[in-house]
Protein backbone atom coordinates (compact mmCIF):
# COMPACT_ATOMS: atom_id res chain seq x y z
CA UNK A 1 -12.29 -44.33 219.72
CA UNK A 2 -11.28 -46.83 217.03
CA UNK A 3 -9.78 -46.35 213.60
CA UNK A 4 -9.16 -48.69 210.66
CA UNK A 5 -5.70 -50.08 209.99
CA UNK A 6 -4.56 -51.29 206.58
CA UNK A 7 -2.32 -54.15 205.55
CA UNK A 8 0.29 -53.45 202.90
CA UNK A 9 2.46 -55.52 200.60
CA UNK A 10 6.16 -56.18 201.04
CA UNK A 11 6.83 -54.24 197.82
CA UNK A 12 4.95 -51.20 199.12
CA UNK A 13 6.84 -51.27 202.41
CA UNK A 14 10.20 -51.53 200.65
CA UNK A 15 9.39 -48.43 198.62
CA UNK A 16 8.06 -46.48 201.60
CA UNK A 17 11.09 -47.32 203.74
CA UNK A 18 13.47 -46.25 200.97
CA UNK A 19 11.60 -42.96 200.65
CA UNK A 20 11.86 -42.55 204.44
CA UNK A 21 15.66 -43.06 204.23
CA UNK A 22 15.37 -46.14 206.46
CA UNK A 23 14.16 -44.00 209.36
CA UNK A 24 10.75 -45.17 210.58
CA UNK A 25 10.06 -41.75 212.14
CA UNK A 26 9.73 -40.49 208.56
CA UNK A 27 7.01 -42.98 207.59
CA UNK A 28 3.43 -41.77 207.24
CA UNK A 29 1.04 -43.24 209.79
CA UNK A 30 -1.16 -44.80 207.09
CA UNK A 31 1.90 -46.79 205.94
CA UNK A 32 2.03 -48.53 209.34
CA UNK A 33 -0.04 -51.61 210.27
CA UNK A 34 0.69 -51.85 214.02
CA UNK A 35 2.39 -48.79 215.48
CA UNK A 36 4.68 -49.45 218.44
CA UNK A 37 6.96 -46.47 217.78
CA UNK A 38 6.10 -44.96 221.17
CA UNK A 39 3.63 -45.01 224.02
CA UNK A 40 3.88 -41.21 224.26
CA UNK A 41 0.60 -39.48 223.43
CA UNK A 42 -0.70 -42.56 221.61
CA UNK A 43 -2.99 -43.96 224.31
CA UNK A 44 -6.79 -43.97 224.14
CA UNK A 45 -8.52 -41.61 226.57
CA UNK A 46 -11.40 -42.80 228.72
CA UNK A 47 -15.04 -41.71 228.72
CA UNK A 48 -14.33 -39.78 231.92
CA UNK A 49 -11.45 -37.94 230.30
CA UNK A 50 -13.57 -36.98 227.29
CA UNK A 51 -16.31 -35.82 229.65
CA UNK A 52 -13.80 -33.70 231.58
CA UNK A 53 -12.65 -32.11 228.32
CA UNK A 54 -16.16 -30.81 227.69
CA UNK A 55 -15.85 -28.76 230.89
CA UNK A 56 -12.51 -27.18 229.95
CA UNK A 57 -12.16 -23.56 231.05
CA UNK A 58 -10.31 -21.70 228.29
CA UNK A 59 -9.64 -18.52 230.25
CA UNK A 60 -6.15 -17.20 229.52
CA UNK A 61 -5.18 -16.84 233.19
CA UNK A 62 -6.48 -18.50 236.34
CA UNK A 63 -8.73 -21.03 234.59
CA UNK A 64 -10.62 -23.47 236.81
CA UNK A 65 -9.07 -26.28 234.74
CA UNK A 66 -5.61 -25.25 235.93
CA UNK A 67 -6.62 -25.43 239.58
CA UNK A 68 -8.15 -28.88 239.11
CA UNK A 69 -4.94 -30.01 237.42
CA UNK A 70 -2.76 -28.37 240.09
CA UNK A 71 -4.66 -30.07 242.94
CA UNK A 72 -4.23 -33.49 241.35
CA UNK A 73 -0.46 -33.04 240.87
CA UNK A 74 -0.07 -31.74 244.41
CA UNK A 75 -2.07 -34.69 245.78
CA UNK A 76 -0.05 -37.33 243.94
CA UNK A 77 3.44 -35.82 244.23
CA UNK A 78 3.16 -33.81 247.44
CA UNK A 79 4.88 -30.82 245.82
CA UNK A 80 3.23 -27.39 246.24
CA UNK A 81 4.46 -25.54 243.14
CA UNK A 82 3.21 -26.69 239.74
CA UNK A 83 3.71 -25.29 236.22
CA UNK A 84 2.04 -26.94 233.21
CA UNK A 85 3.95 -27.38 229.93
CA UNK A 86 2.97 -28.74 226.56
CA UNK A 87 5.01 -31.94 227.04
CA UNK A 88 7.89 -33.46 229.01
CA UNK A 89 10.74 -32.06 226.93
CA UNK A 90 9.21 -28.62 227.33
CA UNK A 91 9.28 -29.08 231.10
CA UNK A 92 12.97 -29.97 230.83
CA UNK A 93 13.64 -26.99 228.59
CA UNK A 94 12.02 -24.54 231.01
CA UNK A 95 13.60 -25.98 234.16
CA UNK A 96 17.04 -26.63 232.65
CA UNK A 97 17.12 -23.10 231.21
CA UNK A 98 17.17 -21.94 234.80
CA UNK A 99 19.49 -24.55 236.29
CA UNK A 100 21.99 -25.91 233.70
CA UNK A 101 25.06 -23.88 232.76
CA UNK A 102 28.12 -24.55 230.59
CA UNK A 103 30.56 -26.88 232.35
CA UNK A 104 27.97 -28.48 234.61
CA UNK A 105 27.86 -32.24 235.15
CA UNK A 106 24.45 -33.92 235.57
CA UNK A 107 24.42 -37.53 236.80
CA UNK A 108 21.39 -39.73 236.15
CA UNK A 109 20.25 -43.31 235.73
CA UNK A 110 20.55 -43.40 231.93
CA UNK A 111 19.14 -40.03 230.80
CA UNK A 112 16.64 -40.39 227.99
CA UNK A 113 17.34 -38.71 224.65
CA UNK A 114 15.63 -35.35 225.22
CA UNK A 115 17.00 -35.07 228.76
CA UNK A 116 20.54 -35.67 227.57
CA UNK A 117 19.94 -33.37 224.59
CA UNK A 118 18.83 -30.48 226.79
CA UNK A 119 21.90 -30.97 228.99
CA UNK A 120 24.41 -31.23 226.14
CA UNK A 121 22.84 -28.36 224.19
CA UNK A 122 23.83 -26.15 227.13
CA UNK A 123 27.44 -27.44 226.93
CA UNK A 124 27.05 -29.50 230.09
CA UNK A 125 27.76 -33.21 230.49
CA UNK A 126 25.34 -36.04 231.29
CA UNK A 127 26.90 -38.96 233.22
CA UNK A 128 25.18 -42.34 233.49
CA UNK A 129 25.19 -43.87 236.97
CA UNK A 130 22.83 -46.81 236.38
CA UNK A 131 23.57 -50.07 238.19
CA UNK A 132 25.71 -52.58 236.27
CA UNK A 133 22.96 -55.24 236.30
CA UNK A 134 21.02 -53.19 233.75
CA UNK A 135 23.58 -53.94 231.05
CA UNK A 136 23.06 -57.72 231.15
CA UNK A 137 19.74 -58.16 229.34
CA UNK A 138 19.31 -61.81 230.33
CA UNK A 139 19.80 -61.23 234.05
CA UNK A 140 16.56 -61.46 236.06
CA UNK A 141 16.74 -58.62 238.58
CA UNK A 142 13.54 -56.90 239.80
CA UNK A 143 14.86 -53.32 239.82
CA UNK A 144 17.34 -52.96 236.98
CA UNK A 145 16.62 -49.24 236.72
CA UNK A 146 18.35 -48.56 240.03
CA UNK A 147 21.08 -45.99 240.55
CA UNK A 148 24.54 -47.26 241.46
CA UNK A 149 25.19 -45.30 244.63
CA UNK A 150 28.92 -45.97 244.28
CA UNK A 151 29.02 -44.49 240.77
CA UNK A 152 26.88 -41.55 241.84
CA UNK A 153 29.06 -40.70 244.81
CA UNK A 154 32.19 -40.78 242.65
CA UNK A 155 30.61 -38.25 240.27
CA UNK A 156 29.53 -35.99 243.14
CA UNK A 157 33.02 -36.06 244.71
CA UNK A 158 34.91 -35.59 241.43
CA UNK A 159 32.71 -32.68 240.30
CA UNK A 160 32.24 -30.66 243.46
CA UNK A 161 30.63 -27.33 242.64
CA UNK A 162 29.69 -28.44 239.11
CA UNK A 163 26.59 -30.60 239.78
CA UNK A 164 23.38 -28.54 239.69
CA UNK A 165 21.11 -31.57 240.34
CA UNK A 166 20.77 -35.30 239.76
CA UNK A 167 18.13 -36.76 237.38
CA UNK A 168 16.34 -39.86 238.71
CA UNK A 169 14.23 -41.46 235.97
CA UNK A 170 11.29 -43.69 236.99
CA UNK A 171 10.94 -46.02 235.19
CA UNK A 172 14.34 -46.11 233.50
CA UNK A 173 13.40 -46.10 229.81
CA UNK A 174 16.85 -46.25 228.21
CA UNK A 175 17.75 -49.58 229.83
CA UNK A 176 14.44 -51.23 228.96
CA UNK A 177 11.66 -49.57 230.94
CA UNK A 178 13.13 -50.98 234.14
CA UNK A 179 11.80 -49.80 237.52
CA UNK A 180 13.65 -48.19 240.43
CA UNK A 181 13.01 -49.57 243.91
CA UNK A 182 11.70 -47.42 246.75
CA UNK A 183 14.82 -48.25 248.75
CA UNK A 184 17.02 -47.01 245.91
CA UNK A 185 14.95 -43.85 245.40
CA UNK A 186 15.33 -42.96 249.07
CA UNK A 187 19.03 -43.86 249.21
CA UNK A 188 19.72 -41.82 246.08
CA UNK A 189 17.94 -38.75 247.45
CA UNK A 190 19.69 -39.08 250.80
CA UNK A 191 23.13 -39.42 249.18
CA UNK A 192 22.58 -36.40 246.94
CA UNK A 193 21.30 -34.28 249.82
CA UNK A 194 24.30 -35.33 251.90
CA UNK A 195 26.41 -33.54 249.27
CA UNK A 196 23.96 -30.65 248.96
CA UNK A 197 22.71 -31.76 245.52
CA UNK A 198 18.98 -31.57 244.64
CA UNK A 199 17.16 -34.44 242.93
CA UNK A 200 14.80 -34.01 239.97
CA UNK A 201 12.65 -37.02 239.12
CA UNK A 202 11.85 -37.66 235.47
CA UNK A 203 8.36 -38.97 236.13
CA UNK A 204 6.81 -39.88 232.78
CA UNK A 205 6.03 -43.41 233.96
CA UNK A 206 5.95 -42.95 237.73
CA UNK A 207 2.66 -44.86 238.08
CA UNK A 208 4.12 -47.91 236.36
CA UNK A 209 7.17 -47.64 238.63
CA UNK A 210 4.83 -47.55 241.66
CA UNK A 211 3.12 -50.70 240.34
CA UNK A 212 6.44 -52.56 240.30
CA UNK A 213 7.25 -51.37 243.82
CA UNK A 214 3.87 -52.70 244.96
CA UNK A 215 4.28 -56.07 243.23
CA UNK A 216 8.04 -56.67 243.60
CA UNK A 217 9.33 -54.87 246.71
CA UNK A 218 8.79 -56.18 250.21
CA UNK A 219 6.54 -54.09 252.44
CA UNK A 220 4.40 -52.44 249.75
CA UNK A 221 1.88 -55.10 248.73
CA UNK A 222 -0.87 -53.60 250.89
CA UNK A 223 -0.28 -49.98 249.89
CA UNK A 224 -2.23 -48.25 247.13
CA UNK A 225 -0.51 -46.91 244.03
CA UNK A 226 -1.30 -43.35 245.16
CA UNK A 227 0.27 -43.98 248.57
CA UNK A 228 3.38 -45.43 246.95
CA UNK A 229 3.64 -42.53 244.50
CA UNK A 230 3.50 -39.99 247.31
CA UNK A 231 6.28 -41.87 249.12
CA UNK A 232 8.37 -42.04 245.94
CA UNK A 233 8.40 -38.25 245.61
CA UNK A 234 8.70 -37.50 249.33
CA UNK A 235 12.42 -36.71 249.29
CA UNK A 236 12.80 -35.38 245.74
CA UNK A 237 13.20 -31.64 245.17
CA UNK A 238 11.35 -31.44 241.86
CA UNK A 239 9.82 -33.47 239.07
CA UNK A 240 9.33 -33.13 235.35
CA UNK A 241 6.68 -35.17 233.58
CA UNK A 242 5.52 -36.00 230.12
CA UNK A 243 1.82 -36.52 230.81
CA UNK A 244 1.58 -38.23 227.41
CA UNK A 245 2.57 -41.49 229.13
CA UNK A 246 1.07 -42.22 232.55
CA UNK A 247 -1.65 -39.56 232.38
CA UNK A 248 -2.81 -41.13 229.07
CA UNK A 249 -3.33 -37.91 227.13
CA UNK A 250 -2.27 -36.88 223.66
CA UNK A 251 -0.37 -33.79 224.81
CA UNK A 252 0.80 -32.25 228.06
CA UNK A 253 3.38 -32.19 230.83
CA UNK A 254 4.43 -30.27 233.91
CA UNK A 255 7.10 -29.17 236.36
CA UNK A 256 6.47 -29.67 240.09
CA UNK A 257 8.80 -28.59 242.87
CA UNK A 258 9.15 -27.95 246.58
CA UNK A 259 11.55 -25.08 245.98
CA UNK A 260 9.87 -21.68 245.70
CA UNK A 261 13.03 -20.15 244.24
CA UNK A 262 12.94 -22.69 241.41
CA UNK A 263 9.25 -22.01 240.85
CA UNK A 264 9.84 -18.27 240.71
CA UNK A 265 12.83 -18.73 238.42
CA UNK A 266 11.10 -21.05 235.97
CA UNK A 267 8.17 -18.67 235.56
CA UNK A 268 10.52 -16.32 233.70
CA UNK A 269 11.21 -19.07 231.13
CA UNK A 270 7.72 -20.58 231.04
CA UNK A 271 6.04 -17.37 229.92
CA UNK A 272 8.16 -16.76 226.77
CA UNK A 273 8.51 -20.47 225.88
CA UNK A 274 5.17 -22.01 226.85
CA UNK A 275 2.72 -19.25 227.73
CA UNK A 276 1.27 -17.98 230.96
CA UNK A 277 1.98 -20.09 234.04
CA UNK A 278 -1.60 -21.33 234.47
CA UNK A 279 -1.86 -22.79 230.98
CA UNK A 280 1.73 -23.54 229.89
CA UNK A 281 1.01 -24.27 226.24
CA UNK A 282 -2.15 -26.27 226.94
CA UNK A 283 -5.87 -25.75 226.51
CA UNK A 284 -8.12 -25.88 229.54
CA UNK A 285 -9.65 -29.08 228.19
CA UNK A 286 -6.15 -30.63 228.06
CA UNK A 287 -5.54 -29.75 231.71
CA UNK A 288 -8.84 -31.40 232.68
CA UNK A 289 -7.93 -34.53 230.72
CA UNK A 290 -4.54 -34.74 232.43
CA UNK A 291 -6.06 -34.36 235.89
CA UNK A 292 -8.58 -37.13 235.21
CA UNK A 293 -5.97 -39.37 233.56
CA UNK A 294 -3.58 -39.03 236.49
CA UNK A 295 -6.37 -39.98 238.86
CA UNK A 296 -7.51 -43.10 237.02
CA UNK A 297 -4.06 -44.36 235.99
CA UNK A 298 -2.87 -44.37 239.59
CA UNK A 299 -5.35 -47.14 240.33
CA UNK A 300 -4.04 -50.72 240.48
CA UNK A 301 -6.54 -52.40 238.12
CA UNK A 302 -5.78 -50.00 235.27
CA UNK A 303 -2.02 -50.52 235.62
CA UNK A 304 -2.37 -54.27 236.10
CA UNK A 305 -4.31 -54.65 232.85
CA UNK A 306 -1.79 -52.54 230.95
CA UNK A 307 1.33 -54.27 232.29
CA UNK A 308 -0.15 -57.74 231.79
CA UNK A 309 -0.37 -56.95 228.06
CA UNK A 310 3.37 -56.20 228.05
CA UNK A 311 3.93 -59.53 229.80
CA UNK A 312 1.74 -61.25 227.18
CA UNK A 313 4.06 -60.07 224.42
CA UNK A 314 7.08 -61.13 226.49
CA UNK A 315 5.62 -64.62 226.89
CA UNK A 316 5.26 -64.96 223.11
CA UNK A 317 8.88 -63.92 222.59
CA UNK A 318 9.94 -66.44 225.24
CA UNK A 319 8.22 -69.17 223.21
CA UNK A 320 10.25 -68.16 220.16
CA UNK A 321 13.54 -67.78 222.03
CA UNK A 322 13.90 -64.10 221.18
CA UNK A 323 16.18 -62.27 223.68
CA UNK A 324 14.92 -59.09 225.33
CA UNK A 325 15.72 -57.01 228.41
CA UNK A 326 14.49 -59.17 231.27
CA UNK A 327 12.28 -58.98 233.20
CA UNK A 328 9.64 -57.32 231.00
CA UNK A 329 9.14 -53.66 231.86
CA UNK A 330 5.98 -51.63 232.21
CA UNK A 331 5.49 -49.93 228.85
CA UNK A 332 7.48 -51.87 226.27
CA UNK A 333 9.54 -54.89 225.35
CA UNK A 334 13.15 -54.10 224.47
CA UNK A 335 14.65 -56.72 222.14
CA UNK A 336 18.43 -57.14 222.42
CA UNK A 337 19.46 -56.44 218.83
CA UNK A 338 23.12 -57.32 219.42
CA UNK A 339 22.00 -60.84 220.34
CA UNK A 340 19.65 -61.14 217.33
CA UNK A 341 21.64 -59.64 214.44
CA UNK A 342 24.97 -61.07 215.48
CA UNK A 343 26.52 -60.60 212.03
CA UNK A 344 25.80 -56.86 211.86
CA UNK A 345 28.73 -54.89 213.33
CA UNK A 346 27.96 -52.16 215.85
CA UNK A 347 29.19 -49.55 213.38
CA UNK A 348 26.24 -50.52 211.17
CA UNK A 349 23.64 -50.10 213.95
CA UNK A 350 22.04 -53.53 214.59
CA UNK A 351 18.94 -52.20 216.41
CA UNK A 352 18.19 -49.70 213.65
CA UNK A 353 18.63 -52.50 211.13
CA UNK A 354 16.28 -54.76 213.13
CA UNK A 355 13.73 -51.92 213.21
CA UNK A 356 13.81 -51.81 209.41
CA UNK A 357 13.56 -55.59 209.10
CA UNK A 358 10.50 -55.77 211.38
CA UNK A 359 8.74 -53.05 209.39
CA UNK A 360 9.52 -54.78 206.09
CA UNK A 361 8.26 -58.09 207.48
CA UNK A 362 4.80 -56.99 208.63
CA UNK A 363 4.38 -53.22 208.67
CA UNK A 364 5.11 -53.07 212.42
CA UNK A 365 6.79 -49.81 213.42
CA UNK A 366 9.06 -50.01 216.46
CA UNK A 367 11.82 -47.70 217.68
CA UNK A 368 15.58 -48.02 218.08
CA UNK A 369 16.80 -47.28 221.60
CA UNK A 370 20.50 -47.84 221.14
CA UNK A 371 23.57 -46.66 219.30
CA UNK A 372 21.69 -44.32 216.97
CA UNK A 373 19.78 -42.71 219.84
CA UNK A 374 22.97 -42.53 221.93
CA UNK A 375 24.23 -39.92 219.46
CA UNK A 376 27.83 -38.75 219.28
CA UNK A 377 30.11 -37.64 222.07
CA UNK A 378 29.82 -33.83 222.07
CA UNK A 379 33.61 -33.42 222.38
CA UNK A 380 35.13 -36.19 220.25
CA UNK A 381 32.15 -36.50 217.86
CA UNK A 382 32.63 -40.28 217.92
CA UNK A 383 29.59 -42.57 218.00
CA UNK A 384 28.77 -43.79 221.50
CA UNK A 385 28.74 -47.59 221.44
CA UNK A 386 29.11 -48.21 225.17
CA UNK A 387 25.43 -48.83 226.02
CA UNK A 388 22.75 -51.33 225.04
CA UNK A 389 21.43 -51.56 221.47
CA UNK A 390 17.73 -52.29 221.76
CA UNK A 391 14.63 -52.50 219.59
CA UNK A 392 11.75 -51.02 221.62
CA UNK A 393 8.22 -52.32 221.10
CA UNK A 394 6.32 -49.59 222.97
CA UNK A 395 2.69 -50.49 223.57
CA UNK A 396 0.14 -47.65 223.54
CA UNK A 397 -2.26 -47.72 226.49
CA UNK A 398 -5.79 -49.03 225.88
CA UNK A 399 -5.31 -49.29 222.09
CA UNK A 400 -4.33 -52.75 220.88
CA UNK A 401 -5.57 -56.23 221.78
CA UNK A 402 -3.46 -59.25 222.63
CA UNK A 403 -4.18 -60.48 219.10
CA UNK A 404 -2.17 -57.53 217.82
CA UNK A 405 0.66 -58.51 220.18
CA UNK A 406 0.58 -62.04 218.75
CA UNK A 407 0.99 -60.61 215.22
CA UNK A 408 3.96 -58.53 216.39
CA UNK A 409 5.57 -61.58 218.01
CA UNK A 410 5.01 -63.73 214.90
CA UNK A 411 6.54 -61.05 212.67
CA UNK A 412 9.56 -60.77 214.94
CA UNK A 413 9.90 -64.57 214.95
CA UNK A 414 10.05 -64.54 211.14
CA UNK A 415 12.87 -62.01 211.27
CA UNK A 416 14.60 -63.96 214.04
CA UNK A 417 14.39 -67.20 212.03
CA UNK A 418 16.24 -65.61 209.09
CA UNK A 419 18.64 -63.55 211.22
CA UNK A 420 21.70 -65.35 209.80
CA UNK A 421 20.88 -63.87 206.39
CA UNK A 422 21.09 -60.28 207.70
CA UNK A 423 24.82 -59.57 207.54
CA UNK A 424 24.90 -55.84 206.83
CA UNK A 425 23.21 -52.88 208.47
CA UNK A 426 22.81 -49.20 207.67
CA UNK A 427 25.09 -46.20 207.20
CA UNK A 428 24.41 -42.56 208.00
CA UNK A 429 24.05 -40.22 205.02
CA UNK A 430 22.90 -37.15 206.96
CA UNK A 431 22.38 -36.42 210.64
CA UNK A 432 21.46 -33.48 212.87
CA UNK A 433 24.09 -32.38 215.40
CA UNK A 434 21.76 -33.18 218.33
CA UNK A 435 19.05 -35.83 218.86
CA UNK A 436 19.80 -37.19 215.41
CA UNK A 437 17.60 -40.30 215.52
CA UNK A 438 14.39 -38.37 214.83
CA UNK A 439 15.53 -37.04 211.45
CA UNK A 440 18.60 -39.08 210.45
CA UNK A 441 18.83 -40.23 206.83
CA UNK A 442 20.31 -43.68 206.24
CA UNK A 443 21.16 -46.05 203.44
CA UNK A 444 21.03 -49.83 203.54
CA UNK A 445 24.39 -51.55 203.09
């Protein structure tokens, strides 16, 4: 499926961005020329997925579409109990409603925004245990998404009796879409189990993570993506997934687990939040599309084509000397805004400012993954400035050509070339108490 895109003038974009309070989430889609806000739900489905949708069984309970979907998840993850949800954050909401209580501490390799939000909304604490290499964007390390086992063990020892589970995110989105090695996955699971702590894998981009294991980690070159995926999940206790990423659908997600008590417990939350346990907020046609998408996107050629496009954009930025989280990840390029807008103080949100500048330059919508997304400390209410401040260029699957990537790179080069002129950033005028970046209202300084 294709759709027209429209160029706009600089004057139009200035007006639209003002009306959106300098928050690109508030722009209308027709005001965007190339949309790299997210790769979530924005991919193009295949002919086989559309064909599968025509056979969707819309029975309220026990639909054949559910059982097709269930078999595919069981085959890929090796977990027997599966509950569909309408997207990944819904899976977190259902599962965390059962498991997370006030005062709990949940370690993870850089929890993404909704994961952290669901933890903190329940008056629990999310603790980042990502390896230190992830915080040096120019360091070339193949598995920057890895867990620091030393940090993790300290959290487990210091919070005995307070840790309900550990979240292992593959790939690690917050630090630049960086993969986690098979060795680190296994070591993390073994360490947690040594302390009696279950592991939940945030699996939105598990297929891309498997691709990097195959291409970067010794001993996996001859294994299929499906074989690697099964090994990745072999020691985990459960998984949540936003199927809007690696299943290449517009809506959907799921919970999978080995623990029957968790499955039985989550059913009590799924039914009031999402609907009956065999549809979980989805149509039968959606379940068919997810099953087909999971099958075809766990094939090497599909992933290789997709990830090569990310590398193409990275190569253009290399030509222009634009710093990003290296090496290039699987779904996006993450530009290091602190290294680009060096005159904008952290209190004025450099990555959010760079997001605005890129949109004004060429109508390209990207997303800030940095100080704005990091939100405030739930206790002190101070801004959290201790992580990376990145501009994410998330590439939808099977949508844009490399010509579009060249336009994005050229636009970013124009901003980069005049970076010395950008000396002020943005200030917050209004923000929500949780997950503020979606709806925050800003003013330009």
